[in-house]
Amino acid sequence: HRTFLGYPAALAPSDRRERFFELYQRVASRHPDRGRL
C-alpha cells in the first residue's frame, strides 16, 4: 500500500484491508499449488 499509493494502509478507508484480504483468500483458494507460482 505504501509502495503504490504512497501512504500507510491504516489511513485508508476502514474496510480496505478486509476487502483486499478477501481477494487474497479467494485467489489463494482457487489457484493450484503448482506451477511457476
Full PDB file with SEQRES, HELIX, SHEET, SSBOND, CRYST1, ORIGX, SCALE, CONECT and MASTER records, all heavy atoms in Angstrom:
SEQRES   1 A   37  HIS ARG THR PHE LEU GLY TYR PRO ALA ALA LEU ALA PRO          
SEQRES   2 A   37  SER ASP ARG ARG GLU ARG PHE PHE GLU LEU TYR GLN ARG          
SEQRES   3 A   37  VAL ALA SER ARG HIS PRO ASP ARG GLY ARG LEU                  
HELIX    1 AA1 ARG A    2  LEU A    5  1                                   4    
HELIX    2 AA2 ALA A    9  LEU A   11  5                                   3    
HELIX    3 AA3 ARG A   16  ARG A   30  1                                  15    
CRYST1    1.000    1.000    1.000  90.00  90.00  90.00 P 1           1          
ORIGX1      1.000000  0.000000  0.000000        0.00000                         
ORIGX2      0.000000  1.000000  0.000000        0.00000                         
ORIGX3      0.000000  0.000000  1.000000        0.00000                         
SCALE1      1.000000  0.000000  0.000000        0.00000                         
SCALE2      0.000000  1.000000  0.000000        0.00000                         
SCALE3      0.000000  0.000000  1.000000        0.00000                         
ATOM      1  N   HIS A   1       0.842  -1.206   0.000  1.00  0.00           N  
ATOM      2  CA  HIS A   1       0.000   0.000   0.000  1.00  0.00           C  
ATOM      3  C   HIS A   1       0.877   1.255   0.000  1.00  0.00           C  
ATOM      4  O   HIS A   1       0.608   2.230  -0.723  1.00  0.00           O  
ATOM      5  CB  HIS A   1      -0.911  -0.023   1.224  1.00  0.00           C  
ATOM      6  CG  HIS A   1      -2.085   0.893   1.129  1.00  0.00           C  
ATOM      7  ND1 HIS A   1      -2.001   2.244   1.406  1.00  0.00           N  
ATOM      8  CD2 HIS A   1      -3.380   0.672   0.791  1.00  0.00           C  
ATOM      9  CE1 HIS A   1      -3.188   2.796   1.255  1.00  0.00           C  
ATOM     10  NE2 HIS A   1      -4.043   1.877   0.879  1.00  0.00           N  
ATOM     11  N   ARG A   2       1.919   1.259   0.798  1.00  0.00           N  
ATOM     12  CA  ARG A   2       2.837   2.396   0.822  1.00  0.00           C  
ATOM     13  C   ARG A   2       3.579   2.534  -0.507  1.00  0.00           C  
ATOM     14  O   ARG A   2       3.828   3.649  -0.980  1.00  0.00           O  
ATOM     15  CB  ARG A   2       3.847   2.239   1.960  1.00  0.00           C  
ATOM     16  CG  ARG A   2       3.274   2.379   3.362  1.00  0.00           C  
ATOM     17  CD  ARG A   2       4.288   1.974   4.420  1.00  0.00           C  
ATOM     18  NE  ARG A   2       3.763   2.019   5.765  1.00  0.00           N  
ATOM     19  CZ  ARG A   2       3.917   3.039   6.609  1.00  0.00           C  
ATOM     20  NH1 ARG A   2       4.602   4.101   6.225  1.00  0.00           N  
ATOM     21  NH2 ARG A   2       3.411   3.002   7.821  1.00  0.00           N  
ATOM     22  N   THR A   3       3.941   1.401  -1.107  1.00  0.00           N  
ATOM     23  CA  THR A   3       4.696   1.435  -2.362  1.00  0.00           C  
ATOM     24  C   THR A   3       3.883   2.061  -3.485  1.00  0.00           C  
ATOM     25  O   THR A   3       4.365   2.945  -4.207  1.00  0.00           O  
ATOM     26  CB  THR A   3       5.131   0.018  -2.761  1.00  0.00           C  
ATOM     27  OG1 THR A   3       5.989  -0.517  -1.753  1.00  0.00           O  
ATOM     28  CG2 THR A   3       5.866   0.026  -4.103  1.00  0.00           C  
ATOM     29  N   PHE A   4       2.635   1.622  -3.650  1.00  0.00           N  
ATOM     30  CA  PHE A   4       1.848   2.041  -4.808  1.00  0.00           C  
ATOM     31  C   PHE A   4       0.950   3.251  -4.545  1.00  0.00           C  
ATOM     32  O   PHE A   4       0.727   4.053  -5.455  1.00  0.00           O  
ATOM     33  CB  PHE A   4       0.994   0.875  -5.297  1.00  0.00           C  
ATOM     34  CG  PHE A   4       1.801  -0.269  -5.848  1.00  0.00           C  
ATOM     35  CD1 PHE A   4       1.824  -1.485  -5.209  1.00  0.00           C  
ATOM     36  CD2 PHE A   4       2.569  -0.114  -6.985  1.00  0.00           C  
ATOM     37  CE1 PHE A   4       2.575  -2.541  -5.692  1.00  0.00           C  
ATOM     38  CE2 PHE A   4       3.329  -1.157  -7.485  1.00  0.00           C  
ATOM     39  CZ  PHE A   4       3.339  -2.373  -6.841  1.00  0.00           C  
ATOM     40  N   LEU A   5       0.441   3.387  -3.327  1.00  0.00           N  
ATOM     41  CA  LEU A   5      -0.456   4.503  -3.043  1.00  0.00           C  
ATOM     42  C   LEU A   5       0.196   5.608  -2.233  1.00  0.00           C  
ATOM     43  O   LEU A   5      -0.346   6.695  -2.120  1.00  0.00           O  
ATOM     44  CB  LEU A   5      -1.710   4.005  -2.310  1.00  0.00           C  
ATOM     45  CG  LEU A   5      -2.526   2.925  -3.040  1.00  0.00           C  
ATOM     46  CD1 LEU A   5      -3.827   2.672  -2.304  1.00  0.00           C  
ATOM     47  CD2 LEU A   5      -2.787   3.299  -4.483  1.00  0.00           C  
ATOM     48  N   GLY A   6       1.359   5.317  -1.645  1.00  0.00           N  
ATOM     49  CA  GLY A   6       2.145   6.381  -1.034  1.00  0.00           C  
ATOM     50  C   GLY A   6       1.801   6.737   0.394  1.00  0.00           C  
ATOM     51  O   GLY A   6       2.316   7.740   0.901  1.00  0.00           O  
ATOM     52  N   TYR A   7       0.963   5.969   1.078  1.00  0.00           N  
ATOM     53  CA  TYR A   7       0.660   6.270   2.472  1.00  0.00           C  
ATOM     54  C   TYR A   7       0.265   4.988   3.187  1.00  0.00           C  
ATOM     55  O   TYR A   7      -0.093   3.988   2.546  1.00  0.00           O  
ATOM     56  CB  TYR A   7      -0.448   7.321   2.584  1.00  0.00           C  
ATOM     57  CG  TYR A   7      -1.802   6.913   2.046  1.00  0.00           C  
ATOM     58  CD1 TYR A   7      -2.783   6.396   2.894  1.00  0.00           C  
ATOM     59  CD2 TYR A   7      -2.113   7.052   0.698  1.00  0.00           C  
ATOM     60  CE1 TYR A   7      -4.027   6.033   2.423  1.00  0.00           C  
ATOM     61  CE2 TYR A   7      -3.348   6.689   0.202  1.00  0.00           C  
ATOM     62  CZ  TYR A   7      -4.304   6.183   1.064  1.00  0.00           C  
ATOM     63  OH  TYR A   7      -5.542   5.814   0.588  1.00  0.00           O  
ATOM     64  N   PRO A   8       0.301   4.961   4.529  1.00  0.00           N  
ATOM     65  CA  PRO A   8       0.018   3.731   5.269  1.00  0.00           C  
ATOM     66  C   PRO A   8      -1.409   3.249   5.057  1.00  0.00           C  
ATOM     67  O   PRO A   8      -2.345   4.049   4.904  1.00  0.00           O  
ATOM     68  CB  PRO A   8       0.260   4.122   6.728  1.00  0.00           C  
ATOM     69  CG  PRO A   8       1.101   5.350   6.670  1.00  0.00           C  
ATOM     70  CD  PRO A   8       0.726   6.063   5.412  1.00  0.00           C  
ATOM     71  N   ALA A   9      -1.579   1.939   5.083  1.00  0.00           N  
ATOM     72  CA  ALA A   9      -2.915   1.368   4.919  1.00  0.00           C  
ATOM     73  C   ALA A   9      -3.836   1.761   6.074  1.00  0.00           C  
ATOM     74  O   ALA A   9      -5.054   1.794   5.905  1.00  0.00           O  
ATOM     75  CB  ALA A   9      -2.813  -0.153   4.819  1.00  0.00           C  
ATOM     76  N   ALA A  10      -3.259   2.070   7.243  1.00  0.00           N  
ATOM     77  CA  ALA A  10      -4.081   2.466   8.390  1.00  0.00           C  
ATOM     78  C   ALA A  10      -4.851   3.763   8.135  1.00  0.00           C  
ATOM     79  O   ALA A  10      -5.871   4.021   8.787  1.00  0.00           O  
ATOM     80  CB  ALA A  10      -3.202   2.616   9.627  1.00  0.00           C  
ATOM     81  N   LEU A  11      -4.378   4.579   7.197  1.00  0.00           N  
ATOM     82  CA  LEU A  11      -5.051   5.845   6.891  1.00  0.00           C  
ATOM     83  C   LEU A  11      -6.065   5.707   5.765  1.00  0.00           C  
ATOM     84  O   LEU A  11      -6.738   6.673   5.422  1.00  0.00           O  
ATOM     85  CB  LEU A  11      -4.016   6.905   6.510  1.00  0.00           C  
ATOM     86  CG  LEU A  11      -2.966   7.235   7.572  1.00  0.00           C  
ATOM     87  CD1 LEU A  11      -2.008   8.293   7.051  1.00  0.00           C  
ATOM     88  CD2 LEU A  11      -3.623   7.684   8.865  1.00  0.00           C  
ATOM     89  N   ALA A  12      -6.170   4.521   5.185  1.00  0.00           N  
ATOM     90  CA  ALA A  12      -7.110   4.273   4.107  1.00  0.00           C  
ATOM     91  C   ALA A  12      -8.512   4.062   4.679  1.00  0.00           C  
ATOM     92  O   ALA A  12      -8.685   3.953   5.902  1.00  0.00           O  
ATOM     93  CB  ALA A  12      -6.665   3.050   3.314  1.00  0.00           C  
ATOM     94  N   PRO A  13      -9.551   4.022   3.838  1.00  0.00           N  
ATOM     95  CA  PRO A  13     -10.896   3.704   4.338  1.00  0.00           C  
ATOM     96  C   PRO A  13     -10.894   2.429   5.169  1.00  0.00           C  
ATOM     97  O   PRO A  13     -10.140   1.487   4.898  1.00  0.00           O  
ATOM     98  CB  PRO A  13     -11.711   3.538   3.046  1.00  0.00           C  
ATOM     99  CG  PRO A  13     -11.031   4.453   2.069  1.00  0.00           C  
ATOM    100  CD  PRO A  13      -9.569   4.367   2.401  1.00  0.00           C  
ATOM    101  N   SER A  14     -11.733   2.391   6.176  1.00  0.00           N  
ATOM    102  CA  SER A  14     -11.650   1.355   7.208  1.00  0.00           C  
ATOM    103  C   SER A  14     -11.842  -0.058   6.668  1.00  0.00           C  
ATOM    104  O   SER A  14     -11.321  -1.015   7.249  1.00  0.00           O  
ATOM    105  CB  SER A  14     -12.691   1.633   8.290  1.00  0.00           C  
ATOM    106  OG  SER A  14     -13.999   1.685   7.734  1.00  0.00           O  
ATOM    107  N   ASP A  15     -12.559  -0.213   5.568  1.00  0.00           N  
ATOM    108  CA  ASP A  15     -12.830  -1.560   5.068  1.00  0.00           C  
ATOM    109  C   ASP A  15     -11.848  -2.022   3.998  1.00  0.00           C  
ATOM    110  O   ASP A  15     -12.002  -3.120   3.462  1.00  0.00           O  
ATOM    111  CB  ASP A  15     -14.249  -1.640   4.511  1.00  0.00           C  
ATOM    112  CG  ASP A  15     -14.434  -0.735   3.287  1.00  0.00           C  
ATOM    113  OD1 ASP A  15     -13.673   0.269   3.165  1.00  0.00           O  
ATOM    114  OD2 ASP A  15     -15.315  -1.020   2.471  1.00  0.00           O  
ATOM    115  N   ARG A  16     -10.836  -1.219   3.689  1.00  0.00           N  
ATOM    116  CA  ARG A  16      -9.940  -1.577   2.581  1.00  0.00           C  
ATOM    117  C   ARG A  16      -9.129  -2.826   2.905  1.00  0.00           C  
ATOM    118  O   ARG A  16      -8.985  -3.707   2.057  1.00  0.00           O  
ATOM    119  CB  ARG A  16      -9.008  -0.416   2.242  1.00  0.00           C  
ATOM    120  CG  ARG A  16      -8.033  -0.735   1.097  1.00  0.00           C  
ATOM    121  CD  ARG A  16      -7.298   0.500   0.626  1.00  0.00           C  
ATOM    122  NE  ARG A  16      -8.220   1.472   0.060  1.00  0.00           N  
ATOM    123  CZ  ARG A  16      -7.853   2.683  -0.351  1.00  0.00           C  
ATOM    124  NH1 ARG A  16      -6.592   3.076  -0.214  1.00  0.00           N  
ATOM    125  NH2 ARG A  16      -8.734   3.524  -0.858  1.00  0.00           N  
ATOM    126  N   ARG A  17      -8.603  -2.909   4.094  1.00  0.00           N  
ATOM    127  CA  ARG A  17      -7.797  -4.078   4.440  1.00  0.00           C  
ATOM    128  C   ARG A  17      -8.621  -5.356   4.334  1.00  0.00           C  
ATOM    129  O   ARG A  17      -8.158  -6.365   3.794  1.00  0.00           O  
ATOM    130  CB  ARG A  17      -7.243  -3.932   5.856  1.00  0.00           C  
ATOM    131  CG  ARG A  17      -6.319  -5.072   6.267  1.00  0.00           C  
ATOM    132  CD  ARG A  17      -5.842  -4.927   7.695  1.00  0.00           C  
ATOM    133  NE  ARG A  17      -6.933  -5.052   8.652  1.00  0.00           N  
ATOM    134  CZ  ARG A  17      -6.757  -5.314   9.942  1.00  0.00           C  
ATOM    135  NH1 ARG A  17      -5.542  -5.432  10.439  1.00  0.00           N  
ATOM    136  NH2 ARG A  17      -7.794  -5.416  10.758  1.00  0.00           N  
ATOM    137  N   GLU A  18      -9.865  -5.332   4.823  1.00  0.00           N  
ATOM    138  CA  GLU A  18     -10.707  -6.515   4.782  1.00  0.00           C  
ATOM    139  C   GLU A  18     -11.051  -6.899   3.353  1.00  0.00           C  
ATOM    140  O   GLU A  18     -11.078  -8.092   2.997  1.00  0.00           O  
ATOM    141  CB  GLU A  18     -11.993  -6.274   5.584  1.00  0.00           C  
ATOM    142  CG  GLU A  18     -11.807  -6.298   7.092  1.00  0.00           C  
ATOM    143  CD  GLU A  18     -11.082  -5.065   7.625  1.00  0.00           C  
ATOM    144  OE1 GLU A  18     -10.974  -4.064   6.877  1.00  0.00           O  
ATOM    145  OE2 GLU A  18     -10.609  -5.105   8.775  1.00  0.00           O  
ATOM    146  N   ARG A  19     -11.299  -5.921   2.487  1.00  0.00           N  
ATOM    147  CA  ARG A  19     -11.642  -6.233   1.100  1.00  0.00           C  
ATOM    148  C   ARG A  19     -10.457  -6.851   0.357  1.00  0.00           C  
ATOM    149  O   ARG A  19     -10.625  -7.802  -0.418  1.00  0.00           O  
ATOM    150  CB  ARG A  19     -12.123  -4.967   0.375  1.00  0.00           C  
ATOM    151  CG  ARG A  19     -13.484  -4.484   0.861  1.00  0.00           C  
ATOM    152  CD  ARG A  19     -14.044  -3.378   0.003  1.00  0.00           C  
ATOM    153  NE  ARG A  19     -13.278  -2.152   0.103  1.00  0.00           N  
ATOM    154  CZ  ARG A  19     -12.484  -1.672  -0.839  1.00  0.00           C  
ATOM    155  NH1 ARG A  19     -12.316  -2.326  -1.979  1.00  0.00           N  
ATOM    156  NH2 ARG A  19     -11.837  -0.527  -0.666  1.00  0.00           N  
ATOM    157  N   PHE A  20      -9.269  -6.335   0.582  1.00  0.00           N  
ATOM    158  CA  PHE A  20      -8.095  -6.903  -0.077  1.00  0.00           C  
ATOM    159  C   PHE A  20      -7.741  -8.268   0.524  1.00  0.00           C  
ATOM    160  O   PHE A  20      -7.242  -9.142  -0.196  1.00  0.00           O  
ATOM    161  CB  PHE A  20      -6.914  -5.941   0.018  1.00  0.00           C  
ATOM    162  CG  PHE A  20      -6.898  -4.906  -1.070  1.00  0.00           C  
ATOM    163  CD1 PHE A  20      -7.690  -3.769  -0.986  1.00  0.00           C  
ATOM    164  CD2 PHE A  20      -6.104  -5.069  -2.191  1.00  0.00           C  
ATOM    165  CE1 PHE A  20      -7.682  -2.816  -1.992  1.00  0.00           C  
ATOM    166  CE2 PHE A  20      -6.079  -4.126  -3.201  1.00  0.00           C  
ATOM    167  CZ  PHE A  20      -6.881  -3.005  -3.111  1.00  0.00           C  
ATOM    168  N   PHE A  21      -7.999  -8.447   1.803  1.00  0.00           N  
ATOM    169  CA  PHE A  21      -7.757  -9.757   2.402  1.00  0.00           C  
ATOM    170  C   PHE A  21      -8.712 -10.790   1.822  1.00  0.00           C  
ATOM    171  O   PHE A  21      -8.334 -11.955   1.621  1.00  0.00           O  
ATOM    172  CB  PHE A  21      -7.918  -9.684   3.915  1.00  0.00           C  
ATOM    173  CG  PHE A  21      -7.671 -10.987   4.620  1.00  0.00           C  
ATOM    174  CD1 PHE A  21      -6.426 -11.599   4.568  1.00  0.00           C  
ATOM    175  CD2 PHE A  21      -8.693 -11.614   5.331  1.00  0.00           C  
ATOM    176  CE1 PHE A  21      -6.193 -12.816   5.217  1.00  0.00           C  
ATOM    177  CE2 PHE A  21      -8.464 -12.816   5.983  1.00  0.00           C  
ATOM    178  CZ  PHE A  21      -7.219 -13.417   5.926  1.00  0.00           C  
ATOM    179  N   GLU A  22      -9.928 -10.393   1.544  1.00  0.00           N  
ATOM    180  CA  GLU A  22     -10.878 -11.303   0.898  1.00  0.00           C  
ATOM    181  C   GLU A  22     -10.378 -11.705  -0.496  1.00  0.00           C  
ATOM    182  O   GLU A  22     -10.494 -12.864  -0.896  1.00  0.00           O  
ATOM    183  CB  GLU A  22     -12.246 -10.633   0.806  1.00  0.00           C  
ATOM    184  CG  GLU A  22     -13.322 -11.518   0.191  1.00  0.00           C  
ATOM    185  CD  GLU A  22     -14.661 -10.803   0.078  1.00  0.00           C  
ATOM    186  OE1 GLU A  22     -14.778  -9.672   0.591  1.00  0.00           O  
ATOM    187  OE2 GLU A  22     -15.575 -11.378  -0.530  1.00  0.00           O  
ATOM    188  N   LEU A  23      -9.819 -10.744  -1.233  1.00  0.00           N  
ATOM    189  CA  LEU A  23      -9.234 -11.056  -2.535  1.00  0.00           C  
ATOM    190  C   LEU A  23      -8.081 -12.030  -2.384  1.00  0.00           C  
ATOM    191  O   LEU A  23      -7.966 -13.009  -3.146  1.00  0.00           O  
ATOM    192  CB  LEU A  23      -8.756  -9.766  -3.205  1.00  0.00           C  
ATOM    193  CG  LEU A  23      -7.909  -9.936  -4.482  1.00  0.00           C  
ATOM    194  CD1 LEU A  23      -8.729 -10.593  -5.586  1.00  0.00           C  
ATOM    195  CD2 LEU A  23      -7.365  -8.580  -4.944  1.00  0.00           C  
ATOM    196  N   TYR A  24      -7.216 -11.795  -1.411  1.00  0.00           N  
ATOM    197  CA  TYR A  24      -6.088 -12.683  -1.151  1.00  0.00           C  
ATOM    198  C   TYR A  24      -6.574 -14.110  -0.889  1.00  0.00           C  
ATOM    199  O   TYR A  24      -6.055 -15.078  -1.449  1.00  0.00           O  
ATOM    200  CB  TYR A  24      -5.300 -12.144   0.045  1.00  0.00           C  
ATOM    201  CG  TYR A  24      -4.324 -13.113   0.663  1.00  0.00           C  
ATOM    202  CD1 TYR A  24      -3.045 -13.270   0.143  1.00  0.00           C  
ATOM    203  CD2 TYR A  24      -4.694 -13.880   1.771  1.00  0.00           C  
ATOM    204  CE1 TYR A  24      -2.147 -14.165   0.721  1.00  0.00           C  
ATOM    205  CE2 TYR A  24      -3.805 -14.769   2.349  1.00  0.00           C  
ATOM    206  CZ  TYR A  24      -2.536 -14.907   1.819  1.00  0.00           C  
ATOM    207  OH  TYR A  24      -1.656 -15.800   2.381  1.00  0.00           O  
ATOM    208  N   GLN A  25      -7.580 -14.256  -0.043  1.00  0.00           N  
ATOM    209  CA  GLN A  25      -8.087 -15.588   0.285  1.00  0.00           C  
ATOM    210  C   GLN A  25      -8.733 -16.253  -0.925  1.00  0.00           C  
ATOM    211  O   GLN A  25      -8.551 -17.461  -1.149  1.00  0.00           O  
ATOM    212  CB  GLN A  25      -9.108 -15.481   1.419  1.00  0.00           C  
ATOM    213  CG  GLN A  25      -8.509 -15.152   2.781  1.00  0.00           C  
ATOM    214  CD  GLN A  25      -9.567 -15.124   3.861  1.00  0.00           C  
ATOM    215  OE1 GLN A  25     -10.591 -14.448   3.734  1.00  0.00           O  
ATOM    216  NE2 GLN A  25      -9.327 -15.852   4.936  1.00  0.00           N  
ATOM    217  N   ARG A  26      -9.468 -15.488  -1.706  1.00  0.00           N  
ATOM    218  CA  ARG A  26     -10.169 -16.061  -2.859  1.00  0.00           C  
ATOM    219  C   ARG A  26      -9.188 -16.582  -3.893  1.00  0.00           C  
ATOM    220  O   ARG A  26      -9.354 -17.677  -4.442  1.00  0.00           O  
ATOM    221  CB  ARG A  26     -11.109 -15.013  -3.466  1.00  0.00           C  
ATOM    222  CG  ARG A  26     -12.033 -15.577  -4.528  1.00  0.00           C  
ATOM    223  CD  ARG A  26     -13.194 -14.653  -4.805  1.00  0.00           C  
ATOM    224  NE  ARG A  26     -12.774 -13.367  -5.320  1.00  0.00           N  
ATOM    225  CZ  ARG A  26     -12.896 -12.222  -4.667  1.00  0.00           C  
ATOM    226  NH1 ARG A  26     -13.410 -12.205  -3.448  1.00  0.00           N  
ATOM    227  NH2 ARG A  26     -12.519 -11.091  -5.203  1.00  0.00           N  
ATOM    228  N   VAL A  27      -8.143 -15.800  -4.176  1.00  0.00           N  
ATOM    229  CA  VAL A  27      -7.149 -16.233  -5.163  1.00  0.00           C  
ATOM    230  C   VAL A  27      -6.368 -17.435  -4.640  1.00  0.00           C  
ATOM    231  O   VAL A  27      -6.137 -18.408  -5.367  1.00  0.00           O  
ATOM    232  CB  VAL A  27      -6.198 -15.071  -5.516  1.00  0.00           C  
ATOM    233  CG1 VAL A  27      -5.068 -15.551  -6.414  1.00  0.00           C  
ATOM    234  CG2 VAL A  27      -6.971 -13.945  -6.193  1.00  0.00           C  
ATOM    235  N   ALA A  28      -5.964 -17.390  -3.372  1.00  0.00           N  
ATOM    236  CA  ALA A  28      -5.186 -18.489  -2.804  1.00  0.00           C  
ATOM    237  C   ALA A  28      -5.972 -19.786  -2.782  1.00  0.00           C  
ATOM    238  O   ALA A  28      -5.406 -20.871  -2.961  1.00  0.00           O  
ATOM    239  CB  ALA A  28      -4.729 -18.125  -1.396  1.00  0.00           C  
ATOM    240  N   SER A  29      -7.288 -19.709  -2.577  1.00  0.00           N  
ATOM    241  CA  SER A  29      -8.096 -20.925  -2.501  1.00  0.00           C  
ATOM    242  C   SER A  29      -8.382 -21.527  -3.872  1.00  0.00           C  
ATOM    243  O   SER A  29      -8.629 -22.728  -3.978  1.00  0.00           O  
ATOM    244  CB  SER A  29      -9.419 -20.626  -1.784  1.00  0.00           C  
ATOM    245  OG  SER A  29     -10.200 -19.705  -2.536  1.00  0.00           O  
ATOM    246  N   ARG A  30      -8.324 -20.711  -4.933  1.00  0.00           N  
ATOM    247  CA  ARG A  30      -8.682 -21.195  -6.259  1.00  0.00           C  
ATOM    248  C   ARG A  30      -7.481 -21.531  -7.127  1.00  0.00           C  
ATOM    249  O   ARG A  30      -7.622 -22.235  -8.131  1.00  0.00           O  
ATOM    250  CB  ARG A  30      -9.546 -20.152  -6.977  1.00  0.00           C  
ATOM    251  CG  ARG A  30     -10.885 -19.896  -6.301  1.00  0.00           C  
ATOM    252  CD  ARG A  30     -11.694 -18.860  -7.037  1.00  0.00           C  
ATOM    253  NE  ARG A  30     -12.970 -18.606  -6.380  1.00  0.00           N  
ATOM    254  CZ  ARG A  30     -13.870 -17.733  -6.819  1.00  0.00           C  
ATOM    255  NH1 ARG A  30     -13.621 -17.021  -7.918  1.00  0.00           N  
ATOM    256  NH2 ARG A  30     -15.008 -17.567  -6.161  1.00  0.00           N  
ATOM    257  N   HIS A  31      -6.316 -21.031  -6.771  1.00  0.00           N  
ATOM    258  CA  HIS A  31      -5.143 -21.276  -7.614  1.00  0.00           C  
ATOM    259  C   HIS A  31      -4.483 -22.592  -7.220  1.00  0.00           C  
ATOM    260  O   HIS A  31      -4.252 -22.838  -6.026  1.00  0.00           O  
ATOM    261  CB  HIS A  31      -4.132 -20.128  -7.462  1.00  0.00           C  
ATOM    262  CG  HIS A  31      -2.949 -20.253  -8.355  1.00  0.00           C  
ATOM    263  ND1 HIS A  31      -3.014 -19.997  -9.708  1.00  0.00           N  
ATOM    264  CD2 HIS A  31      -1.668 -20.620  -8.095  1.00  0.00           C  
ATOM    265  CE1 HIS A  31      -1.821 -20.179 -10.239  1.00  0.00           C  
ATOM    266  NE2 HIS A  31      -0.997 -20.575  -9.283  1.00  0.00           N  
ATOM    267  N   PRO A  32      -4.165 -23.446  -8.168  1.00  0.00           N  
ATOM    268  CA  PRO A  32      -3.491 -24.707  -7.822  1.00  0.00           C  
ATOM    269  C   PRO A  32      -2.101 -24.440  -7.260  1.00  0.00           C  
ATOM    270  O   PRO A  32      -1.404 -23.532  -7.697  1.00  0.00           O  
ATOM    271  CB  PRO A  32      -3.432 -25.456  -9.162  1.00  0.00           C  
ATOM    272  CG  PRO A  32      -3.547 -24.387 -10.197  1.00  0.00           C  
ATOM    273  CD  PRO A  32      -4.414 -23.321  -9.606  1.00  0.00           C  
ATOM    274  N   ASP A  33      -1.713 -25.247  -6.305  1.00  0.00           N  
ATOM    275  CA  ASP A  33      -0.435 -25.045  -5.623  1.00  0.00           C  
ATOM    276  C   ASP A  33       0.702 -25.684  -6.409  1.00  0.00           C  
ATOM    277  O   ASP A  33       1.450 -26.519  -5.904  1.00  0.00           O  
ATOM    278  CB  ASP A  33      -0.504 -25.632  -4.213  1.00  0.00           C  
ATOM    279  CG  ASP A  33       0.463 -24.927  -3.270  1.00  0.00           C  
ATOM    280  OD1 ASP A  33       1.142 -23.977  -3.707  1.00  0.00           O  
ATOM    281  OD2 ASP A  33       0.528 -25.319  -2.092  1.00  0.00           O  
ATOM    282  N   ARG A  34       0.817 -25.268  -7.646  1.00  0.00           N  
ATOM    283  CA  ARG A  34       1.873 -25.778  -8.509  1.00  0.00           C  
ATOM    284  C   ARG A  34       2.118 -24.741  -9.603  1.00  0.00           C  
ATOM    285  O   ARG A  34       1.393 -23.767  -9.727  1.00  0.00           O  
ATOM    286  CB  ARG A  34       1.476 -27.122  -9.126  1.00  0.00           C  
ATOM    287  CG  ARG A  34       0.261 -27.067 -10.022  1.00  0.00           C  
ATOM    288  CD  ARG A  34      -0.083 -28.433 -10.603  1.00  0.00           C  
ATOM    289  NE  ARG A  34      -1.219 -28.368 -11.523  1.00  0.00           N  
ATOM    290  CZ  ARG A  34      -2.482 -28.437 -11.148  1.00  0.00           C  
ATOM    291  NH1 ARG A  34      -2.773 -28.594  -9.871  1.00  0.00           N  
ATOM    292  NH2 ARG A  34      -3.469 -28.362 -12.041  1.00  0.00           N  
ATOM    293  N   GLY A  35       3.129 -24.978 -10.413  1.00  0.00           N  
ATOM    294  CA  GLY A  35       3.448 -24.050 -11.482  1.00  0.00           C  
ATOM    295  C   GLY A  35       4.534 -23.081 -11.070  1.00  0.00           C  
ATOM    296  O   GLY A  35       5.255 -23.276 -10.094  1.00  0.00           O  
ATOM    297  N   ARG A  36       4.637 -21.978 -11.786  1.00  0.00           N  
ATOM    298  CA  ARG A  36       5.706 -21.016 -11.535  1.00  0.00           C  
ATOM    299  C   ARG A  36       5.508 -20.282 -10.223  1.00  0.00           C  
ATOM    300  O   ARG A  36       6.459 -19.836  -9.593  1.00  0.00           O  
ATOM    301  CB  ARG A  36       5.781 -20.034 -12.703  1.00  0.00           C  
ATOM    302  CG  ARG A  36       6.127 -20.713 -14.020  1.00  0.00           C  
ATOM    303  CD  ARG A  36       6.117 -19.751 -15.175  1.00  0.00           C  
ATOM    304  NE  ARG A  36       7.242 -18.832 -15.126  1.00  0.00           N  
ATOM    305  CZ  ARG A  36       7.566 -18.027 -16.134  1.00  0.00           C  
ATOM    306  NH1 ARG A  36       6.850 -18.030 -17.237  1.00  0.00           N  
ATOM    307  NH2 ARG A  36       8.592 -17.217 -16.025  1.00  0.00           N  
ATOM    308  N   LEU A  37       4.260 -20.123  -9.805  1.00  0.00           N  
ATOM    309  CA  LEU A  37       3.953 -19.520  -8.505  1.00  0.00           C  
ATOM    310  C   LEU A  37       2.993 -20.435  -7.771  1.00  0.00           C  
ATOM    311  O   LEU A  37       2.050 -20.964  -8.364  1.00  0.00           O  
ATOM    312  CB  LEU A  37       3.316 -18.134  -8.680  1.00  0.00           C  
ATOM    313  CG  LEU A  37       4.175 -17.023  -9.285  1.00  0.00           C  
ATOM    314  CD1 LEU A  37       3.350 -15.756  -9.424  1.00  0.00           C  
ATOM    315  CD2 LEU A  37       5.413 -16.761  -8.443  1.00  0.00           C  
TER     316      LEU A  37                                                      
MASTER        0    0    0    3    0    0    0    6  315    1    0    3          
END                                                                             
